[in-house]
N, C-alpha and C. Protein backbone atom coordinates (compact mmCIF):
# COMPACT_ATOMS: atom_id res chain seq x y z
N SER A 1 -12.12 -10.23 -2.87
CA SER A 1 -11.37 -11.41 -3.23
C SER A 1 -10.50 -11.11 -4.45
N GLY A 2 -9.47 -11.89 -4.63
CA GLY A 2 -8.58 -11.68 -5.75
C GLY A 2 -7.40 -10.78 -5.44
N TRP A 3 -7.28 -10.32 -4.19
CA TRP A 3 -6.17 -9.45 -3.79
C TRP A 3 -5.08 -10.30 -3.16
N ASN A 4 -3.83 -9.97 -3.47
CA ASN A 4 -2.67 -10.57 -2.81
C ASN A 4 -2.00 -9.51 -1.97
N ALA A 5 -1.60 -9.87 -0.76
CA ALA A 5 -0.92 -8.93 0.13
C ALA A 5 0.58 -9.04 -0.03
N LEU A 6 1.23 -7.89 -0.20
CA LEU A 6 2.69 -7.80 -0.24
C LEU A 6 3.14 -6.85 0.85
N TYR A 7 4.25 -7.15 1.48
CA TYR A 7 4.81 -6.27 2.49
C TYR A 7 6.11 -5.73 1.93
N VAL A 8 6.16 -4.42 1.71
CA VAL A 8 7.27 -3.80 0.99
C VAL A 8 8.02 -2.85 1.92
N VAL A 9 9.34 -2.89 1.82
CA VAL A 9 10.20 -1.94 2.52
C VAL A 9 11.11 -1.33 1.46
N CYS A 10 11.09 -0.01 1.35
CA CYS A 10 11.97 0.70 0.42
C CYS A 10 12.72 1.78 1.18
N GLU A 11 13.87 2.13 0.67
CA GLU A 11 14.67 3.18 1.30
C GLU A 11 14.00 4.53 1.10
N GLY A 12 13.91 5.28 2.19
CA GLY A 12 13.46 6.65 2.14
C GLY A 12 14.65 7.57 2.32
N ALA A 13 14.40 8.86 2.44
CA ALA A 13 15.48 9.83 2.57
C ALA A 13 16.29 9.60 3.84
N SER A 14 15.62 9.37 4.97
CA SER A 14 16.34 9.24 6.23
C SER A 14 16.13 7.89 6.91
N GLN A 15 15.13 7.12 6.46
CA GLN A 15 14.85 5.83 7.08
C GLN A 15 14.03 4.97 6.12
N PRO A 16 13.95 3.67 6.37
CA PRO A 16 13.13 2.82 5.51
C PRO A 16 11.65 3.22 5.60
N VAL A 17 10.93 3.01 4.51
CA VAL A 17 9.49 3.27 4.47
C VAL A 17 8.81 1.93 4.26
N TYR A 18 7.81 1.66 5.11
CA TYR A 18 7.11 0.39 5.10
C TYR A 18 5.72 0.57 4.50
N ALA A 19 5.27 -0.45 3.76
CA ALA A 19 3.96 -0.36 3.14
C ALA A 19 3.34 -1.75 2.99
N LEU A 20 2.04 -1.82 3.25
CA LEU A 20 1.24 -2.97 2.89
C LEU A 20 0.70 -2.67 1.50
N VAL A 21 0.97 -3.53 0.55
CA VAL A 21 0.49 -3.36 -0.82
C VAL A 21 -0.51 -4.46 -1.11
N LEU A 22 -1.70 -4.08 -1.52
CA LEU A 22 -2.68 -5.05 -1.99
C LEU A 22 -2.59 -5.05 -3.51
N GLU A 23 -2.37 -6.22 -4.07
CA GLU A 23 -2.12 -6.37 -5.50
C GLU A 23 -3.26 -7.18 -6.12
N ARG A 24 -3.74 -6.67 -7.28
CA ARG A 24 -4.84 -7.36 -7.96
C ARG A 24 -4.62 -7.28 -9.47
N PRO A 25 -4.78 -8.39 -10.17
CA PRO A 25 -4.67 -8.34 -11.63
C PRO A 25 -5.90 -7.70 -12.25
N VAL A 26 -5.67 -6.92 -13.28
CA VAL A 26 -6.75 -6.31 -14.07
C VAL A 26 -6.56 -6.82 -15.49
N PHE A 27 -7.53 -7.57 -15.97
CA PHE A 27 -7.42 -8.22 -17.26
C PHE A 27 -7.05 -7.23 -18.36
N GLY A 28 -6.03 -7.58 -19.12
CA GLY A 28 -5.59 -6.78 -20.25
C GLY A 28 -4.76 -5.56 -19.90
N MET A 29 -4.57 -5.28 -18.60
CA MET A 29 -3.84 -4.09 -18.18
C MET A 29 -2.56 -4.41 -17.40
N GLY A 30 -2.63 -5.39 -16.55
CA GLY A 30 -1.51 -5.70 -15.67
C GLY A 30 -1.99 -5.76 -14.24
N LEU A 31 -1.16 -5.29 -13.34
CA LEU A 31 -1.49 -5.32 -11.92
C LEU A 31 -1.83 -3.93 -11.39
N LEU A 32 -2.77 -3.89 -10.48
CA LEU A 32 -3.13 -2.68 -9.75
C LEU A 32 -2.58 -2.84 -8.34
N TRP A 33 -1.92 -1.80 -7.84
CA TRP A 33 -1.45 -1.80 -6.46
C TRP A 33 -2.23 -0.76 -5.68
N TYR A 34 -2.72 -1.17 -4.51
CA TYR A 34 -3.44 -0.27 -3.60
C TYR A 34 -2.77 -0.34 -2.24
N LEU A 35 -2.42 0.84 -1.70
CA LEU A 35 -1.79 0.93 -0.39
C LEU A 35 -2.77 1.57 0.58
N PRO A 36 -3.58 0.76 1.28
CA PRO A 36 -4.56 1.33 2.21
C PRO A 36 -3.86 2.05 3.36
N GLN A 37 -4.17 3.31 3.52
CA GLN A 37 -3.59 4.15 4.57
C GLN A 37 -2.07 4.13 4.54
N GLY A 38 -1.51 4.08 3.38
CA GLY A 38 -0.06 4.01 3.29
C GLY A 38 0.48 4.57 2.00
N PRO A 39 1.79 4.67 1.94
CA PRO A 39 2.79 4.12 2.84
C PRO A 39 2.88 4.93 4.14
N GLY A 40 3.63 4.40 5.08
CA GLY A 40 3.77 5.03 6.39
C GLY A 40 4.72 6.21 6.36
N VAL A 41 4.23 7.33 5.84
CA VAL A 41 5.03 8.55 5.77
C VAL A 41 4.23 9.71 6.37
N ASN A 42 4.94 10.77 6.75
CA ASN A 42 4.28 11.94 7.35
C ASN A 42 4.28 13.17 6.46
N SER A 43 5.01 13.10 5.34
CA SER A 43 5.10 14.28 4.49
C SER A 43 5.29 13.87 3.03
N ALA A 44 5.03 14.82 2.15
CA ALA A 44 5.25 14.59 0.72
C ALA A 44 6.73 14.34 0.45
N ALA A 45 7.60 15.00 1.18
CA ALA A 45 9.04 14.79 1.00
C ALA A 45 9.42 13.34 1.31
N GLU A 46 8.85 12.78 2.37
CA GLU A 46 9.12 11.38 2.70
C GLU A 46 8.56 10.46 1.61
N LEU A 47 7.37 10.76 1.13
CA LEU A 47 6.76 9.94 0.09
C LEU A 47 7.58 9.98 -1.20
N THR A 48 7.99 11.16 -1.61
CA THR A 48 8.75 11.26 -2.86
C THR A 48 10.13 10.62 -2.76
N SER A 49 10.71 10.57 -1.56
CA SER A 49 12.01 9.90 -1.40
C SER A 49 11.86 8.39 -1.53
N PHE A 50 10.69 7.88 -1.26
CA PHE A 50 10.37 6.45 -1.32
C PHE A 50 10.03 6.01 -2.74
N LEU A 51 9.58 6.95 -3.59
CA LEU A 51 9.07 6.60 -4.91
C LEU A 51 10.06 5.92 -5.86
N PRO A 52 11.31 6.35 -5.99
CA PRO A 52 12.18 5.72 -6.98
C PRO A 52 12.30 4.20 -6.83
N GLY A 53 12.63 3.73 -5.64
CA GLY A 53 12.74 2.29 -5.42
C GLY A 53 11.42 1.58 -5.55
N PHE A 54 10.37 2.21 -5.06
CA PHE A 54 9.04 1.61 -5.09
C PHE A 54 8.52 1.48 -6.51
N THR A 55 8.66 2.52 -7.31
CA THR A 55 8.15 2.46 -8.69
C THR A 55 9.00 1.52 -9.55
N THR A 56 10.27 1.38 -9.23
CA THR A 56 11.10 0.40 -9.94
C THR A 56 10.58 -1.01 -9.67
N LEU A 57 10.30 -1.30 -8.41
CA LEU A 57 9.74 -2.60 -8.04
C LEU A 57 8.40 -2.82 -8.74
N ALA A 58 7.54 -1.82 -8.71
CA ALA A 58 6.22 -1.93 -9.35
C ALA A 58 6.36 -2.21 -10.84
N SER A 59 7.25 -1.52 -11.50
CA SER A 59 7.47 -1.72 -12.92
C SER A 59 7.96 -3.13 -13.22
N GLN A 60 8.85 -3.63 -12.39
CA GLN A 60 9.37 -4.99 -12.57
C GLN A 60 8.28 -6.04 -12.44
N ARG A 61 7.24 -5.74 -11.66
CA ARG A 61 6.15 -6.69 -11.43
C ARG A 61 5.00 -6.50 -12.41
N GLY A 62 5.06 -5.51 -13.30
CA GLY A 62 4.01 -5.31 -14.29
C GLY A 62 2.83 -4.50 -13.78
N VAL A 63 3.08 -3.60 -12.82
CA VAL A 63 2.03 -2.75 -12.27
C VAL A 63 1.76 -1.59 -13.22
N PHE A 64 0.47 -1.32 -13.49
CA PHE A 64 0.12 -0.21 -14.38
C PHE A 64 -0.44 0.99 -13.63
N VAL A 65 -0.90 0.81 -12.40
CA VAL A 65 -1.40 1.93 -11.61
C VAL A 65 -1.19 1.63 -10.12
N ILE A 66 -0.88 2.70 -9.37
CA ILE A 66 -0.68 2.59 -7.93
C ILE A 66 -1.59 3.62 -7.26
N LYS A 67 -2.36 3.16 -6.27
CA LYS A 67 -3.24 4.04 -5.49
C LYS A 67 -2.66 4.15 -4.09
N PHE A 68 -2.09 5.33 -3.78
CA PHE A 68 -1.57 5.60 -2.44
C PHE A 68 -2.66 6.26 -1.60
N GLU A 69 -2.67 5.97 -0.31
CA GLU A 69 -3.54 6.67 0.64
C GLU A 69 -2.78 6.95 1.93
N PRO A 70 -1.69 7.75 1.84
CA PRO A 70 -0.93 8.04 3.06
C PRO A 70 -1.74 8.90 4.02
N GLU A 71 -1.53 8.67 5.28
CA GLU A 71 -2.19 9.48 6.31
C GLU A 71 -1.27 10.62 6.68
N MET A 72 -1.30 11.68 5.86
CA MET A 72 -0.47 12.85 6.13
C MET A 72 -1.35 14.09 6.12
N ALA A 73 -0.89 15.12 6.80
CA ALA A 73 -1.64 16.37 6.87
C ALA A 73 -1.74 17.00 5.49
N LYS A 74 -2.90 17.58 5.20
CA LYS A 74 -3.10 18.26 3.91
C LYS A 74 -2.64 19.71 4.01
N THR A 75 -1.34 19.88 4.22
CA THR A 75 -0.77 21.22 4.30
C THR A 75 -0.44 21.70 2.89
N PRO A 76 -0.31 23.01 2.70
CA PRO A 76 0.09 23.51 1.37
C PRO A 76 1.41 22.90 0.89
N GLU A 77 2.36 22.70 1.80
CA GLU A 77 3.65 22.13 1.43
C GLU A 77 3.50 20.69 0.93
N ASN A 78 2.69 19.89 1.64
CA ASN A 78 2.48 18.51 1.23
C ASN A 78 1.74 18.44 -0.11
N LEU A 79 0.69 19.24 -0.27
CA LEU A 79 -0.07 19.24 -1.52
C LEU A 79 0.81 19.65 -2.69
N GLN A 80 1.66 20.66 -2.49
CA GLN A 80 2.56 21.10 -3.54
C GLN A 80 3.59 20.03 -3.86
N GLY A 81 4.12 19.39 -2.82
CA GLY A 81 5.10 18.33 -3.02
C GLY A 81 4.54 17.15 -3.80
N LEU A 82 3.29 16.77 -3.51
CA LEU A 82 2.66 15.68 -4.25
C LEU A 82 2.44 16.06 -5.71
N SER A 83 2.00 17.28 -5.93
CA SER A 83 1.78 17.76 -7.29
C SER A 83 3.09 17.81 -8.07
N THR A 84 4.14 18.32 -7.44
CA THR A 84 5.45 18.41 -8.08
C THR A 84 5.97 17.03 -8.47
N ALA A 85 5.64 16.02 -7.66
CA ALA A 85 6.07 14.65 -7.95
C ALA A 85 5.25 14.00 -9.05
N GLY A 86 4.22 14.71 -9.52
CA GLY A 86 3.38 14.16 -10.58
C GLY A 86 2.26 13.28 -10.09
N LEU A 87 2.00 13.30 -8.78
CA LEU A 87 0.91 12.51 -8.22
C LEU A 87 -0.39 13.28 -8.32
N VAL A 88 -1.47 12.58 -8.61
CA VAL A 88 -2.77 13.20 -8.83
C VAL A 88 -3.72 12.76 -7.72
N GLN A 89 -4.40 13.71 -7.11
CA GLN A 89 -5.34 13.38 -6.05
C GLN A 89 -6.64 12.87 -6.66
N VAL A 90 -7.10 11.72 -6.16
CA VAL A 90 -8.37 11.12 -6.58
C VAL A 90 -9.17 10.77 -5.33
N GLU A 91 -10.37 10.30 -5.53
CA GLU A 91 -11.22 9.93 -4.40
C GLU A 91 -10.60 8.77 -3.63
N PRO A 92 -10.71 8.79 -2.30
CA PRO A 92 -10.17 7.68 -1.51
C PRO A 92 -10.96 6.40 -1.73
N VAL A 93 -10.29 5.28 -1.62
CA VAL A 93 -10.96 3.99 -1.70
C VAL A 93 -11.72 3.75 -0.40
N GLN A 94 -11.07 4.07 0.73
CA GLN A 94 -11.70 3.93 2.04
C GLN A 94 -11.99 5.31 2.60
N GLN A 95 -13.23 5.57 2.93
CA GLN A 95 -13.60 6.84 3.52
C GLN A 95 -13.19 6.86 4.98
N SER A 96 -12.71 8.01 5.43
CA SER A 96 -12.34 8.21 6.82
C SER A 96 -13.56 8.72 7.57
N CYS A 97 -13.94 8.04 8.62
CA CYS A 97 -15.13 8.43 9.37
C CYS A 97 -14.80 8.55 10.85
N SER A 98 -15.40 9.51 11.48
CA SER A 98 -15.31 9.64 12.92
C SER A 98 -16.56 10.36 13.41
N ARG A 99 -16.84 10.21 14.69
CA ARG A 99 -17.98 10.92 15.26
C ARG A 99 -17.50 11.79 16.41
N PRO A 100 -18.17 12.89 16.58
CA PRO A 100 -17.79 13.76 17.70
C PRO A 100 -17.90 13.00 19.02
N GLY A 101 -16.93 13.19 19.87
CA GLY A 101 -16.97 12.57 21.18
C GLY A 101 -16.47 11.14 21.21
N GLY A 102 -15.93 10.66 20.07
CA GLY A 102 -15.28 9.38 20.08
C GLY A 102 -16.04 8.25 19.58
């Protein structure tokens, strides 16, 4: 409880990037933004192209931290691209689970 849902569309390098943002106030800090399984990108390059407009919007709303959880492959290129963008990998909020055989 205490989360507000926002639906955000920002320009990416080649197409718009869509994201569900869950927003929650943190006393004395500002707003926390959490993007469960998002934004909808396939690579670090797509994510970093989305960041300028997205972080501008976040700043305007008083956001102090953003937790992204994009569903992208953990390739060396993607990991390097995220690191170059200054993004830090932390534990996921939602664990991904599956069982063999479906």
